[in-house]
Amino acid sequence: MEITPFVDRLREDLARSAAATDEQTRAAAERLASALDPAVRLTLMEALSQATSEITTEMREGSVEVRLVGRDLDFVVDQDLPVPPSAPAPPAPPPPPAVDDDVDGGTARITLRLPESVKTRAEELAAGSGQSLNTWIVQALRRATSDTGLHIDVDLPEVPFLDGFPGSRRARGQRRMTGWT
């Protein structure tokens, strides 16, 4: 807050009051206004400091301070706002099935080349289940190679209801659907 305009207004009011007097009184009023400048600034700062103390007393939490920055005043409001409760954490994913690495024969490294879209989707699914991509791929492979997995391999042109309507221009193609469930 700049207090110079308030000090200047007091100086102008004093000069206006002395304007109706003789030259010597006007000069004395001007010297008095210059001499009072620091005292007026200090008095304004004390009044504003007292006001901030009263405001702080009325606040439930936090405080208000007035600080001198050069010839200006700076107000600082420190209010501890309550932190809104965070959203509950999603439930932890179920632990992966226990596998005895001795039975598996240790760990093997492979290089896998995937289309970018497949990799992106696998990363999304892994993140959604709270797993690393590597862990997610290992579990997917374990499910696919377990005795309880079901391998699907269907030649779609041989399925009559997927061929379209009789007389349609849709040509039979080499379409297959394969996968594990």
C-alpha atoms as a PDB file:
ATOM      1  CA  MET A   1       0.000   0.000   0.000  1.00  0.00           C
ATOM      2  CA  GLU A   2       1.432   3.328  -0.997  1.00  0.00           C
ATOM      3  CA  ILE A   3       0.994   5.879   1.824  1.00  0.00           C
ATOM      4  CA  THR A   4       2.586   8.826  -0.013  1.00  0.00           C
ATOM      5  CA  PRO A   5      -0.798  10.061  -1.385  1.00  0.00           C
ATOM      6  CA  PHE A   6      -2.130  10.311   2.192  1.00  0.00           C
ATOM      7  CA  VAL A   7       0.943  12.236   3.376  1.00  0.00           C
ATOM      8  CA  ASP A   8       0.702  14.529   0.324  1.00  0.00           C
ATOM      9  CA  ARG A   9      -2.997  15.157   1.009  1.00  0.00           C
ATOM     10  CA  LEU A  10      -2.174  16.214   4.595  1.00  0.00           C
ATOM     11  CA  ARG A  11       0.554  18.541   3.280  1.00  0.00           C
ATOM     12  CA  GLU A  12      -1.930  20.083   0.762  1.00  0.00           C
ATOM     13  CA  ASP A  13      -4.591  20.540   3.467  1.00  0.00           C
ATOM     14  CA  LEU A  14      -2.056  22.313   5.685  1.00  0.00           C
ATOM     15  CA  ALA A  15      -0.986  24.566   2.773  1.00  0.00           C
ATOM     16  CA  ARG A  16      -4.645  25.395   1.998  1.00  0.00           C
ATOM     17  CA  SER A  17      -5.242  26.312   5.631  1.00  0.00           C
ATOM     18  CA  ALA A  18      -2.230  28.653   5.581  1.00  0.00           C
ATOM     19  CA  ALA A  19      -3.150  30.169   2.199  1.00  0.00           C
ATOM     20  CA  ALA A  20      -5.326  32.868   3.792  1.00  0.00           C
ATOM     21  CA  THR A  21      -2.449  34.056   5.984  1.00  0.00           C
ATOM     22  CA  ASP A  22       0.651  36.158   5.289  1.00  0.00           C
ATOM     23  CA  GLU A  23       3.746  34.944   3.428  1.00  0.00           C
ATOM     24  CA  GLN A  24       5.691  34.215   6.583  1.00  0.00           C
ATOM     25  CA  THR A  25       2.939  31.913   7.976  1.00  0.00           C
ATOM     26  CA  ARG A  26       2.650  30.084   4.621  1.00  0.00           C
ATOM     27  CA  ALA A  27       6.426  29.463   4.619  1.00  0.00           C
ATOM     28  CA  ALA A  28       6.251  28.213   8.215  1.00  0.00           C
ATOM     29  CA  ALA A  29       3.371  25.853   7.296  1.00  0.00           C
ATOM     30  CA  GLU A  30       5.384  24.478   4.358  1.00  0.00           C
ATOM     31  CA  ARG A  31       8.434  23.843   6.573  1.00  0.00           C
ATOM     32  CA  LEU A  32       6.191  22.255   9.217  1.00  0.00           C
ATOM     33  CA  ALA A  33       4.626  19.912   6.629  1.00  0.00           C
ATOM     34  CA  SER A  34       8.084  18.789   5.427  1.00  0.00           C
ATOM     35  CA  ALA A  35       9.243  18.247   9.009  1.00  0.00           C
ATOM     36  CA  LEU A  36       6.108  16.256   9.858  1.00  0.00           C
ATOM     37  CA  ASP A  37       6.461  13.868   6.866  1.00  0.00           C
ATOM     38  CA  PRO A  38       8.341  11.092   8.772  1.00  0.00           C
ATOM     39  CA  ALA A  39       6.116  11.438  11.851  1.00  0.00           C
ATOM     40  CA  VAL A  40       2.942  11.222   9.734  1.00  0.00           C
ATOM     41  CA  ARG A  41       4.246   8.102   7.936  1.00  0.00           C
ATOM     42  CA  LEU A  42       5.110   6.476  11.266  1.00  0.00           C
ATOM     43  CA  THR A  43       1.694   7.326  12.719  1.00  0.00           C
ATOM     44  CA  LEU A  44      -0.074   5.849   9.666  1.00  0.00           C
ATOM     45  CA  MET A  45       2.027   2.681   9.946  1.00  0.00           C
ATOM     46  CA  GLU A  46       1.206   2.356  13.654  1.00  0.00           C
ATOM     47  CA  ALA A  47      -2.515   2.793  12.972  1.00  0.00           C
ATOM     48  CA  LEU A  48      -2.466   0.179  10.194  1.00  0.00           C
ATOM     49  CA  SER A  49      -0.391  -2.169  12.344  1.00  0.00           C
ATOM     50  CA  GLN A  50      -2.953  -1.864  15.137  1.00  0.00           C
ATOM     51  CA  ALA A  51      -5.742  -2.571  12.627  1.00  0.00           C
ATOM     52  CA  THR A  52      -3.997  -5.727  11.379  1.00  0.00           C
ATOM     53  CA  SER A  53      -3.555  -6.893  14.990  1.00  0.00           C
ATOM     54  CA  GLU A  54      -7.270  -6.486  15.613  1.00  0.00           C
ATOM     55  CA  ILE A  55      -8.117  -8.325  12.396  1.00  0.00           C
ATOM     56  CA  THR A  56      -5.772 -11.171  13.381  1.00  0.00           C
ATOM     57  CA  THR A  57      -7.473 -11.403  16.774  1.00  0.00           C
ATOM     58  CA  GLU A  58     -10.870 -11.813  15.085  1.00  0.00           C
ATOM     59  CA  MET A  59      -9.660 -14.504  12.675  1.00  0.00           C
ATOM     60  CA  ARG A  60     -10.141 -18.141  13.648  1.00  0.00           C
ATOM     61  CA  GLU A  61      -6.892 -19.208  11.982  1.00  0.00           C
ATOM     62  CA  GLY A  62      -3.991 -17.359  10.407  1.00  0.00           C
ATOM     63  CA  SER A  63      -2.799 -13.782  10.736  1.00  0.00           C
ATOM     64  CA  VAL A  64      -2.504 -10.429   8.974  1.00  0.00           C
ATOM     65  CA  GLU A  65       0.766  -8.496   9.070  1.00  0.00           C
ATOM     66  CA  VAL A  66       1.844  -5.098   7.778  1.00  0.00           C
ATOM     67  CA  ARG A  67       5.432  -4.817   6.542  1.00  0.00           C
ATOM     68  CA  LEU A  68       7.470  -1.820   5.458  1.00  0.00           C
ATOM     69  CA  VAL A  69       8.880  -2.213   1.947  1.00  0.00           C
ATOM     70  CA  GLY A  70      10.895   0.871   1.065  1.00  0.00           C
ATOM     71  CA  ARG A  71       8.479   3.739   1.751  1.00  0.00           C
ATOM     72  CA  ASP A  72       5.400   1.598   1.138  1.00  0.00           C
ATOM     73  CA  LEU A  73       3.452  -0.827   3.278  1.00  0.00           C
ATOM     74  CA  ASP A  74       2.796  -4.423   2.322  1.00  0.00           C
ATOM     75  CA  PHE A  75      -0.005  -6.493   3.831  1.00  0.00           C
ATOM     76  CA  VAL A  76       0.571 -10.228   4.266  1.00  0.00           C
ATOM     77  CA  VAL A  77      -2.344 -12.529   4.994  1.00  0.00           C
ATOM     78  CA  ASP A  78      -1.376 -15.958   6.274  1.00  0.00           C
ATOM     79  CA  GLN A  79      -4.447 -18.099   6.485  1.00  0.00           C
ATOM     80  CA  ASP A  80      -4.183 -21.832   7.010  1.00  0.00           C
ATOM     81  CA  LEU A  81      -6.996 -23.152   4.889  1.00  0.00           C
ATOM     82  CA  PRO A  82      -8.234 -26.609   5.764  1.00  0.00           C
ATOM     83  CA  VAL A  83      -6.936 -29.199   3.333  1.00  0.00           C
ATOM     84  CA  PRO A  84      -9.814 -30.963   1.619  1.00  0.00           C
ATOM     85  CA  PRO A  85      -9.762 -34.705   2.201  1.00  0.00           C
ATOM     86  CA  SER A  86      -8.145 -36.585  -0.612  1.00  0.00           C
ATOM     87  CA  ALA A  87     -10.030 -39.159  -2.579  1.00  0.00           C
ATOM     88  CA  PRO A  88      -9.750 -42.638  -1.119  1.00  0.00           C
ATOM     89  CA  ALA A  89      -7.031 -44.717  -2.690  1.00  0.00           C
ATOM     90  CA  PRO A  90      -8.245 -47.370  -5.102  1.00  0.00           C
ATOM     91  CA  PRO A  91      -8.196 -50.866  -3.672  1.00  0.00           C
ATOM     92  CA  ALA A  92      -4.930 -52.678  -4.083  1.00  0.00           C
ATOM     93  CA  PRO A  93      -4.882 -55.135  -6.961  1.00  0.00           C
ATOM     94  CA  PRO A  94      -4.997 -58.770  -5.968  1.00  0.00           C
ATOM     95  CA  PRO A  95      -1.558 -60.258  -5.507  1.00  0.00           C
ATOM     96  CA  PRO A  96      -0.299 -62.280  -8.436  1.00  0.00           C
ATOM     97  CA  PRO A  97      -0.599 -66.009  -8.047  1.00  0.00           C
ATOM     98  CA  ALA A  98       2.344 -67.474  -6.218  1.00  0.00           C
ATOM     99  CA  VAL A  99       4.686 -69.204  -8.606  1.00  0.00           C
ATOM    100  CA  ASP A 100       7.658 -71.217  -7.537  1.00  0.00           C
ATOM    101  CA  ASP A 101      10.502 -69.978  -9.744  1.00  0.00           C
ATOM    102  CA  ASP A 102      12.375 -73.212  -9.080  1.00  0.00           C
ATOM    103  CA  VAL A 103       9.555 -75.106 -10.790  1.00  0.00           C
ATOM    104  CA  ASP A 104       9.554 -72.615 -13.678  1.00  0.00           C
ATOM    105  CA  GLY A 105      13.269 -73.107 -14.154  1.00  0.00           C
ATOM    106  CA  GLY A 106      14.391 -69.530 -13.442  1.00  0.00           C
ATOM    107  CA  THR A 107      13.976 -66.373 -15.466  1.00  0.00           C
ATOM    108  CA  ALA A 108      14.450 -66.030 -19.216  1.00  0.00           C
ATOM    109  CA  ARG A 109      14.886 -62.834 -21.189  1.00  0.00           C
ATOM    110  CA  ILE A 110      13.214 -62.298 -24.548  1.00  0.00           C
ATOM    111  CA  THR A 111      12.857 -59.441 -26.983  1.00  0.00           C
ATOM    112  CA  LEU A 112       9.279 -58.709 -27.944  1.00  0.00           C
ATOM    113  CA  ARG A 113       8.299 -56.452 -30.823  1.00  0.00           C
ATOM    114  CA  LEU A 114       4.740 -55.144 -30.629  1.00  0.00           C
ATOM    115  CA  PRO A 115       2.747 -52.688 -32.690  1.00  0.00           C
ATOM    116  CA  GLU A 116       2.763 -49.332 -30.877  1.00  0.00           C
ATOM    117  CA  SER A 117      -1.019 -49.433 -30.396  1.00  0.00           C
ATOM    118  CA  VAL A 118      -0.817 -52.859 -28.711  1.00  0.00           C
ATOM    119  CA  LYS A 119       2.021 -51.684 -26.455  1.00  0.00           C
ATOM    120  CA  THR A 120       0.076 -48.555 -25.484  1.00  0.00           C
ATOM    121  CA  ARG A 121      -3.043 -50.586 -24.656  1.00  0.00           C
ATOM    122  CA  ALA A 122      -0.989 -53.113 -22.642  1.00  0.00           C
ATOM    123  CA  GLU A 123       0.614 -50.260 -20.671  1.00  0.00           C
ATOM    124  CA  GLU A 124      -2.839 -48.810 -19.920  1.00  0.00           C
ATOM    125  CA  LEU A 125      -4.145 -52.178 -18.717  1.00  0.00           C
ATOM    126  CA  ALA A 126      -1.026 -52.756 -16.608  1.00  0.00           C
ATOM    127  CA  ALA A 127      -1.300 -49.318 -15.011  1.00  0.00           C
ATOM    128  CA  GLY A 128      -5.004 -49.871 -14.400  1.00  0.00           C
ATOM    129  CA  SER A 129      -4.232 -53.052 -12.479  1.00  0.00           C
ATOM    130  CA  GLY A 130      -1.390 -51.397 -10.552  1.00  0.00           C
ATOM    131  CA  GLN A 131       1.346 -53.481 -12.173  1.00  0.00           C
ATOM    132  CA  SER A 132       4.411 -52.884 -14.260  1.00  0.00           C
ATOM    133  CA  LEU A 133       4.142 -53.725 -17.940  1.00  0.00           C
ATOM    134  CA  ASN A 134       6.591 -56.607 -17.484  1.00  0.00           C
ATOM    135  CA  THR A 135       4.559 -58.143 -14.620  1.00  0.00           C
ATOM    136  CA  TRP A 136       1.331 -57.723 -16.563  1.00  0.00           C
ATOM    137  CA  ILE A 137       2.794 -59.451 -19.665  1.00  0.00           C
ATOM    138  CA  VAL A 138       4.190 -62.326 -17.557  1.00  0.00           C
ATOM    139  CA  GLN A 139       0.779 -62.869 -15.941  1.00  0.00           C
ATOM    140  CA  ALA A 140      -0.985 -62.701 -19.316  1.00  0.00           C
ATOM    141  CA  LEU A 141       1.405 -65.322 -20.692  1.00  0.00           C
ATOM    142  CA  ARG A 142       0.930 -67.518 -17.619  1.00  0.00           C
ATOM    143  CA  ARG A 143      -2.847 -67.358 -18.043  1.00  0.00           C
ATOM    144  CA  ALA A 144      -2.555 -68.138 -21.746  1.00  0.00           C
ATOM    145  CA  THR A 145      -0.265 -71.106 -21.189  1.00  0.00           C
ATOM    146  CA  SER A 146      -1.985 -72.578 -18.137  1.00  0.00           C
ATOM    147  CA  ASP A 147      -4.051 -75.737 -18.364  1.00  0.00           C
ATOM    148  CA  THR A 148      -7.205 -73.771 -17.580  1.00  0.00           C
ATOM    149  CA  GLY A 149      -6.786 -71.405 -20.536  1.00  0.00           C
ATOM    150  CA  LEU A 150      -8.932 -71.816 -23.632  1.00  0.00           C
ATOM    151  CA  HIS A 151      -7.383 -71.136 -27.023  1.00  0.00           C
ATOM    152  CA  ILE A 152      -9.742 -69.750 -29.666  1.00  0.00           C
ATOM    153  CA  ASP A 153      -8.989 -70.129 -33.382  1.00  0.00           C
ATOM    154  CA  VAL A 154     -11.998 -69.423 -35.601  1.00  0.00           C
ATOM    155  CA  ASP A 155     -12.067 -69.001 -39.379  1.00  0.00           C
ATOM    156  CA  LEU A 156     -14.650 -66.187 -39.599  1.00  0.00           C
ATOM    157  CA  PRO A 157     -15.669 -66.651 -43.268  1.00  0.00           C
ATOM    158  CA  GLU A 158     -16.872 -70.141 -42.324  1.00  0.00           C
ATOM    159  CA  VAL A 159     -19.302 -68.749 -39.714  1.00  0.00           C
ATOM    160  CA  PRO A 160     -22.588 -68.322 -41.643  1.00  0.00           C
ATOM    161  CA  PHE A 161     -24.095 -65.398 -39.684  1.00  0.00           C
ATOM    162  CA  LEU A 162     -20.913 -63.309 -40.055  1.00  0.00           C
ATOM    163  CA  ASP A 163     -20.924 -63.592 -43.856  1.00  0.00           C
ATOM    164  CA  GLY A 164     -23.517 -60.918 -44.505  1.00  0.00           C
ATOM    165  CA  PHE A 165     -26.779 -61.287 -46.368  1.00  0.00           C
ATOM    166  CA  PRO A 166     -27.225 -63.509 -49.406  1.00  0.00           C
ATOM    167  CA  GLY A 167     -26.428 -61.593 -52.559  1.00  0.00           C
ATOM    168  CA  SER A 168     -24.314 -58.995 -50.771  1.00  0.00           C
ATOM    169  CA  ARG A 169     -21.127 -57.766 -52.433  1.00  0.00           C
ATOM    170  CA  ARG A 170     -19.086 -58.591 -49.367  1.00  0.00           C
ATOM    171  CA  ALA A 171     -16.375 -60.969 -50.478  1.00  0.00           C
ATOM    172  CA  ARG A 172     -15.217 -63.847 -48.377  1.00  0.00           C
ATOM    173  CA  GLY A 173     -11.733 -63.131 -47.109  1.00  0.00           C
ATOM    174  CA  GLN A 174      -8.992 -64.801 -45.169  1.00  0.00           C
ATOM    175  CA  ARG A 175     -10.208 -63.584 -41.780  1.00  0.00           C
ATOM    176  CA  ARG A 176      -9.393 -65.453 -38.587  1.00  0.00           C
ATOM    177  CA  MET A 177     -10.003 -64.763 -34.919  1.00  0.00           C
ATOM    178  CA  THR A 178      -7.479 -66.272 -32.533  1.00  0.00           C
ATOM    179  CA  GLY A 179      -6.682 -65.762 -28.877  1.00  0.00           C
ATOM    180  CA  TRP A 180      -6.781 -67.067 -25.341  1.00  0.00           C
ATOM    181  CA  THR A 181      -9.474 -66.766 -22.707  1.00  0.00           C
END
